[in-house]
Amino acid sequence: MRYLIVILALAGVVISGFALREHYRVGAAPCDINTRWDCGVVNHSPFAEFPPPPFRQPESRGLPIAVLGILGYAAIAGAAFFRRWWLALVLVTGAVGFSIYLTYVEAYILETYCIWCVTSAALVALTEVATIVAVARRKTI
């Protein structure tokens, strides 16, 4: 089970890397499909940085969310690789919560979705399920 979680987390690192590239891209986004699907709009919005707009000054820049994704997925992969199941569960549950918040921002504030972000949300959800299974299996052994 740990290798499945590590693979999912490493896929998340790659997806977050694509989102980070999009964050710094100048010009049209290659994933600009239509008005509802545009990675450029999402990754250039004020919500693509941490802390989000309500918690920082409008003129200041924050840390790109994609960097948090890379670090978070790497931490999840490390915890799973070393079989620190409870730590992995805490990390991935926090990631799921943050992913839900970001999906809310996409759906109701920006009204535009990013393919990389939706893929990341699906990966973190799968990682959560796999981690819950790993913790449950560990409790019975």
C-alpha atoms as a PDB file:
ATOM      1  CA  MET A   1       0.000   0.000   0.000  1.00  0.00           C
ATOM      2  CA  ARG A   2       2.848   2.361   0.745  1.00  0.00           C
ATOM      3  CA  TYR A   3       4.116   2.250  -2.832  1.00  0.00           C
ATOM      4  CA  LEU A   4       0.679   3.131  -4.172  1.00  0.00           C
ATOM      5  CA  ILE A   5       0.540   6.153  -1.863  1.00  0.00           C
ATOM      6  CA  VAL A   6       4.089   7.160  -2.801  1.00  0.00           C
ATOM      7  CA  ILE A   7       3.264   6.892  -6.525  1.00  0.00           C
ATOM      8  CA  LEU A   8       0.072   8.936  -6.103  1.00  0.00           C
ATOM      9  CA  ALA A   9       1.952  11.568  -4.101  1.00  0.00           C
ATOM     10  CA  LEU A  10       4.763  11.757  -6.652  1.00  0.00           C
ATOM     11  CA  ALA A  11       2.154  12.180  -9.392  1.00  0.00           C
ATOM     12  CA  GLY A  12       0.822  15.055  -7.281  1.00  0.00           C
ATOM     13  CA  VAL A  13       4.309  16.599  -7.205  1.00  0.00           C
ATOM     14  CA  VAL A  14       4.399  16.465 -11.019  1.00  0.00           C
ATOM     15  CA  ILE A  15       0.894  17.954 -11.372  1.00  0.00           C
ATOM     16  CA  SER A  16       1.769  20.705  -8.887  1.00  0.00           C
ATOM     17  CA  GLY A  17       4.889  21.389 -10.942  1.00  0.00           C
ATOM     18  CA  PHE A  18       2.736  21.914 -14.030  1.00  0.00           C
ATOM     19  CA  ALA A  19       0.511  24.294 -12.046  1.00  0.00           C
ATOM     20  CA  LEU A  20       3.601  26.183 -10.847  1.00  0.00           C
ATOM     21  CA  ARG A  21       4.834  26.503 -14.419  1.00  0.00           C
ATOM     22  CA  GLU A  22       1.425  27.900 -15.326  1.00  0.00           C
ATOM     23  CA  HIS A  23       1.606  30.358 -12.418  1.00  0.00           C
ATOM     24  CA  TYR A  24       4.759  31.907 -13.862  1.00  0.00           C
ATOM     25  CA  ARG A  25       3.800  31.582 -17.539  1.00  0.00           C
ATOM     26  CA  VAL A  26       3.555  34.797 -19.513  1.00  0.00           C
ATOM     27  CA  GLY A  27       1.086  34.723 -22.373  1.00  0.00           C
ATOM     28  CA  ALA A  28      -1.803  32.458 -23.243  1.00  0.00           C
ATOM     29  CA  ALA A  29      -2.206  29.239 -21.292  1.00  0.00           C
ATOM     30  CA  PRO A  30      -2.123  26.022 -23.329  1.00  0.00           C
ATOM     31  CA  CYS A  31      -5.000  24.711 -21.211  1.00  0.00           C
ATOM     32  CA  ASP A  32      -7.305  27.620 -22.112  1.00  0.00           C
ATOM     33  CA  ILE A  33     -10.179  25.464 -23.358  1.00  0.00           C
ATOM     34  CA  ASN A  34     -13.165  27.786 -22.873  1.00  0.00           C
ATOM     35  CA  THR A  35     -14.559  30.255 -20.330  1.00  0.00           C
ATOM     36  CA  ARG A  36     -15.078  27.516 -17.707  1.00  0.00           C
ATOM     37  CA  TRP A  37     -11.704  25.760 -18.135  1.00  0.00           C
ATOM     38  CA  ASP A  38      -8.669  28.034 -18.138  1.00  0.00           C
ATOM     39  CA  CYS A  39      -5.566  27.299 -16.070  1.00  0.00           C
ATOM     40  CA  GLY A  40      -4.200  30.772 -16.722  1.00  0.00           C
ATOM     41  CA  VAL A  41      -7.148  32.516 -15.078  1.00  0.00           C
ATOM     42  CA  VAL A  42      -6.950  30.274 -12.016  1.00  0.00           C
ATOM     43  CA  ASN A  43      -3.165  30.267 -11.641  1.00  0.00           C
ATOM     44  CA  HIS A  44      -2.836  34.024 -12.108  1.00  0.00           C
ATOM     45  CA  SER A  45      -5.639  34.899  -9.711  1.00  0.00           C
ATOM     46  CA  PRO A  46      -4.900  36.322  -6.248  1.00  0.00           C
ATOM     47  CA  PHE A  47      -6.122  33.005  -4.823  1.00  0.00           C
ATOM     48  CA  ALA A  48      -3.189  31.173  -6.452  1.00  0.00           C
ATOM     49  CA  GLU A  49      -0.930  32.462  -3.687  1.00  0.00           C
ATOM     50  CA  PHE A  50      -0.800  31.837   0.039  1.00  0.00           C
ATOM     51  CA  PRO A  51      -2.036  33.517   2.123  1.00  0.00           C
ATOM     52  CA  PRO A  52      -5.189  34.291   0.114  1.00  0.00           C
ATOM     53  CA  PRO A  53      -6.353  37.891  -0.451  1.00  0.00           C
ATOM     54  CA  PRO A  54      -8.389  38.423   2.718  1.00  0.00           C
ATOM     55  CA  PHE A  55      -5.272  37.737   4.807  1.00  0.00           C
ATOM     56  CA  ARG A  56      -2.647  39.800   2.989  1.00  0.00           C
ATOM     57  CA  GLN A  57      -2.212  43.284   1.652  1.00  0.00           C
ATOM     58  CA  PRO A  58      -3.438  43.688  -1.965  1.00  0.00           C
ATOM     59  CA  GLU A  59      -0.043  44.831  -3.262  1.00  0.00           C
ATOM     60  CA  SER A  60       1.970  42.055  -1.591  1.00  0.00           C
ATOM     61  CA  ARG A  61       2.816  38.714  -3.163  1.00  0.00           C
ATOM     62  CA  GLY A  62       2.400  35.398  -1.434  1.00  0.00           C
ATOM     63  CA  LEU A  63       3.844  31.941  -1.889  1.00  0.00           C
ATOM     64  CA  PRO A  64       2.390  30.153  -4.943  1.00  0.00           C
ATOM     65  CA  ILE A  65      -0.123  27.491  -3.912  1.00  0.00           C
ATOM     66  CA  ALA A  66       1.605  25.093  -6.316  1.00  0.00           C
ATOM     67  CA  VAL A  67       4.759  25.270  -4.158  1.00  0.00           C
ATOM     68  CA  LEU A  68       2.653  24.257  -1.151  1.00  0.00           C
ATOM     69  CA  GLY A  69       1.317  21.393  -3.272  1.00  0.00           C
ATOM     70  CA  ILE A  70       4.803  20.207  -4.163  1.00  0.00           C
ATOM     71  CA  LEU A  71       5.945  20.350  -0.538  1.00  0.00           C
ATOM     72  CA  GLY A  72       2.763  18.727   0.760  1.00  0.00           C
ATOM     73  CA  TYR A  73       2.806  15.867  -1.711  1.00  0.00           C
ATOM     74  CA  ALA A  74       6.512  15.276  -1.005  1.00  0.00           C
ATOM     75  CA  ALA A  75       5.805  15.138   2.745  1.00  0.00           C
ATOM     76  CA  ILE A  76       2.956  12.671   2.172  1.00  0.00           C
ATOM     77  CA  ALA A  77       5.224  10.497   0.008  1.00  0.00           C
ATOM     78  CA  GLY A  78       7.946  10.561   2.673  1.00  0.00           C
ATOM     79  CA  ALA A  79       5.543   9.684   5.487  1.00  0.00           C
ATOM     80  CA  ALA A  80       4.094   6.803   3.472  1.00  0.00           C
ATOM     81  CA  PHE A  81       7.491   5.524   2.365  1.00  0.00           C
ATOM     82  CA  PHE A  82       8.677   5.349   5.975  1.00  0.00           C
ATOM     83  CA  ARG A  83       5.325   3.875   7.078  1.00  0.00           C
ATOM     84  CA  ARG A  84       4.415   6.783   9.317  1.00  0.00           C
ATOM     85  CA  TRP A  85       0.736   6.111   8.619  1.00  0.00           C
ATOM     86  CA  TRP A  86      -0.794   8.489  11.136  1.00  0.00           C
ATOM     87  CA  LEU A  87       1.405  11.333   9.960  1.00  0.00           C
ATOM     88  CA  ALA A  88       0.508  10.523   6.357  1.00  0.00           C
ATOM     89  CA  LEU A  89      -3.176  10.483   7.297  1.00  0.00           C
ATOM     90  CA  VAL A  90      -2.951  13.873   9.018  1.00  0.00           C
ATOM     91  CA  LEU A  91      -1.066  15.382   6.063  1.00  0.00           C
ATOM     92  CA  VAL A  92      -3.365  14.001   3.401  1.00  0.00           C
ATOM     93  CA  THR A  93      -6.515  14.931   5.348  1.00  0.00           C
ATOM     94  CA  GLY A  94      -5.234  18.500   5.598  1.00  0.00           C
ATOM     95  CA  ALA A  95      -4.514  18.415   1.868  1.00  0.00           C
ATOM     96  CA  VAL A  96      -8.054  17.220   1.154  1.00  0.00           C
ATOM     97  CA  GLY A  97      -9.475  20.057   3.238  1.00  0.00           C
ATOM     98  CA  PHE A  98      -7.324  22.614   1.436  1.00  0.00           C
ATOM     99  CA  SER A  99      -8.264  21.076  -1.907  1.00  0.00           C
ATOM    100  CA  ILE A 100     -11.951  21.439  -1.042  1.00  0.00           C
ATOM    101  CA  TYR A 101     -11.365  25.121  -0.252  1.00  0.00           C
ATOM    102  CA  LEU A 102      -9.528  25.652  -3.568  1.00  0.00           C
ATOM    103  CA  THR A 103     -12.272  23.866  -5.504  1.00  0.00           C
ATOM    104  CA  TYR A 104     -14.805  26.149  -3.811  1.00  0.00           C
ATOM    105  CA  VAL A 105     -12.771  29.170  -4.951  1.00  0.00           C
ATOM    106  CA  GLU A 106     -12.685  27.826  -8.505  1.00  0.00           C
ATOM    107  CA  ALA A 107     -16.403  27.051  -8.596  1.00  0.00           C
ATOM    108  CA  TYR A 108     -17.935  30.013  -6.790  1.00  0.00           C
ATOM    109  CA  ILE A 109     -15.444  32.881  -6.831  1.00  0.00           C
ATOM    110  CA  LEU A 110     -13.452  32.507 -10.049  1.00  0.00           C
ATOM    111  CA  GLU A 111     -16.116  30.451 -11.859  1.00  0.00           C
ATOM    112  CA  THR A 112     -13.298  28.870 -13.848  1.00  0.00           C
ATOM    113  CA  TYR A 113     -11.544  25.538 -13.380  1.00  0.00           C
ATOM    114  CA  CYS A 114      -7.931  24.518 -13.873  1.00  0.00           C
ATOM    115  CA  ILE A 115      -7.212  21.063 -15.282  1.00  0.00           C
ATOM    116  CA  TRP A 116      -4.115  20.739 -13.080  1.00  0.00           C
ATOM    117  CA  CYS A 117      -6.082  21.739  -9.978  1.00  0.00           C
ATOM    118  CA  VAL A 118      -8.926  19.310 -10.662  1.00  0.00           C
ATOM    119  CA  THR A 119      -6.414  16.534 -11.344  1.00  0.00           C
ATOM    120  CA  SER A 120      -4.647  17.360  -8.084  1.00  0.00           C
ATOM    121  CA  ALA A 121      -7.962  17.248  -6.213  1.00  0.00           C
ATOM    122  CA  ALA A 122      -8.675  13.791  -7.647  1.00  0.00           C
ATOM    123  CA  LEU A 123      -5.158  12.581  -6.766  1.00  0.00           C
ATOM    124  CA  VAL A 124      -5.379  13.822  -3.192  1.00  0.00           C
ATOM    125  CA  ALA A 125      -8.805  12.175  -2.800  1.00  0.00           C
ATOM    126  CA  LEU A 126      -7.395   8.852  -4.038  1.00  0.00           C
ATOM    127  CA  THR A 127      -4.410   9.280  -1.749  1.00  0.00           C
ATOM    128  CA  GLU A 128      -6.764   9.861   1.196  1.00  0.00           C
ATOM    129  CA  VAL A 129      -8.645   6.629   0.466  1.00  0.00           C
ATOM    130  CA  ALA A 130      -5.404   4.663   0.111  1.00  0.00           C
ATOM    131  CA  THR A 131      -4.044   6.142   3.347  1.00  0.00           C
ATOM    132  CA  ILE A 132      -7.221   5.295   5.266  1.00  0.00           C
ATOM    133  CA  VAL A 133      -6.941   1.721   3.998  1.00  0.00           C
ATOM    134  CA  ALA A 134      -3.271   1.601   5.043  1.00  0.00           C
ATOM    135  CA  VAL A 135      -4.109   2.881   8.545  1.00  0.00           C
ATOM    136  CA  ALA A 136      -7.013   0.423   8.865  1.00  0.00           C
ATOM    137  CA  ARG A 137      -4.836  -2.478   7.735  1.00  0.00           C
ATOM    138  CA  ARG A 138      -2.132  -1.460  10.177  1.00  0.00           C
ATOM    139  CA  LYS A 139      -4.572  -1.493  13.092  1.00  0.00           C
ATOM    140  CA  THR A 140      -5.598  -5.091  12.382  1.00  0.00           C
ATOM    141  CA  ILE A 141      -2.094  -6.509  12.073  1.00  0.00           C
END
